[in-house]
Amino acid sequence: MTQVSRYGHMLKVTVKGMRMRVTARYRVDGSVLNDTIEGRMLGAETTLEIDSPDPPERVAKVVRNAERGCFVLQALQNPVPVTARTMLNGAPLGVETPRGEPPRETGRVSSG
C-alpha cells in the first residue's frame, strides 16, 4: 500500500483511501519432536480496494507500478537468495538441516 501512495503521488492520481485484504495459504508437514517440520507457502491472494475520483485507467497505472515496485511481492513472485544466521550468546549457532545438508547458520544478524 505504501507503493500505491508513493506512485499515486508521482503520477498525480488522488488516492482518498485504500484497504488491502491478504489471504495466505500454507501447509506444515512433519514433526517438531522429530525435527522434521517443513512449512511452505502454497499461495497468496490479495484484494486491494482504492477510493479515487480519478479515471480507472490512471488508477490502474498506479497499481501496475505499485505491484512491480513492491519488494515483498517481487520476492514472492521471483524468489531471491536468503542468507540466514543464528547467533547464540554472541557465537554462531550451526544448525544441522533435516535433509543431511551441511550445517548452516540461521537467523538475521545486524551489524553494529
Foldseek 3Di string as FASTA:
>chain_A
DVQLVVVCVVLVFDWPDKDKDKDWAKDWDDDVVVQPIDIDTPDMDMDMDTDGPDDPVSSVVSVVRSCVVDPVNCCVVPPDDDAAADADPNHTDFDQHPVRDGTHGHHDDDDD
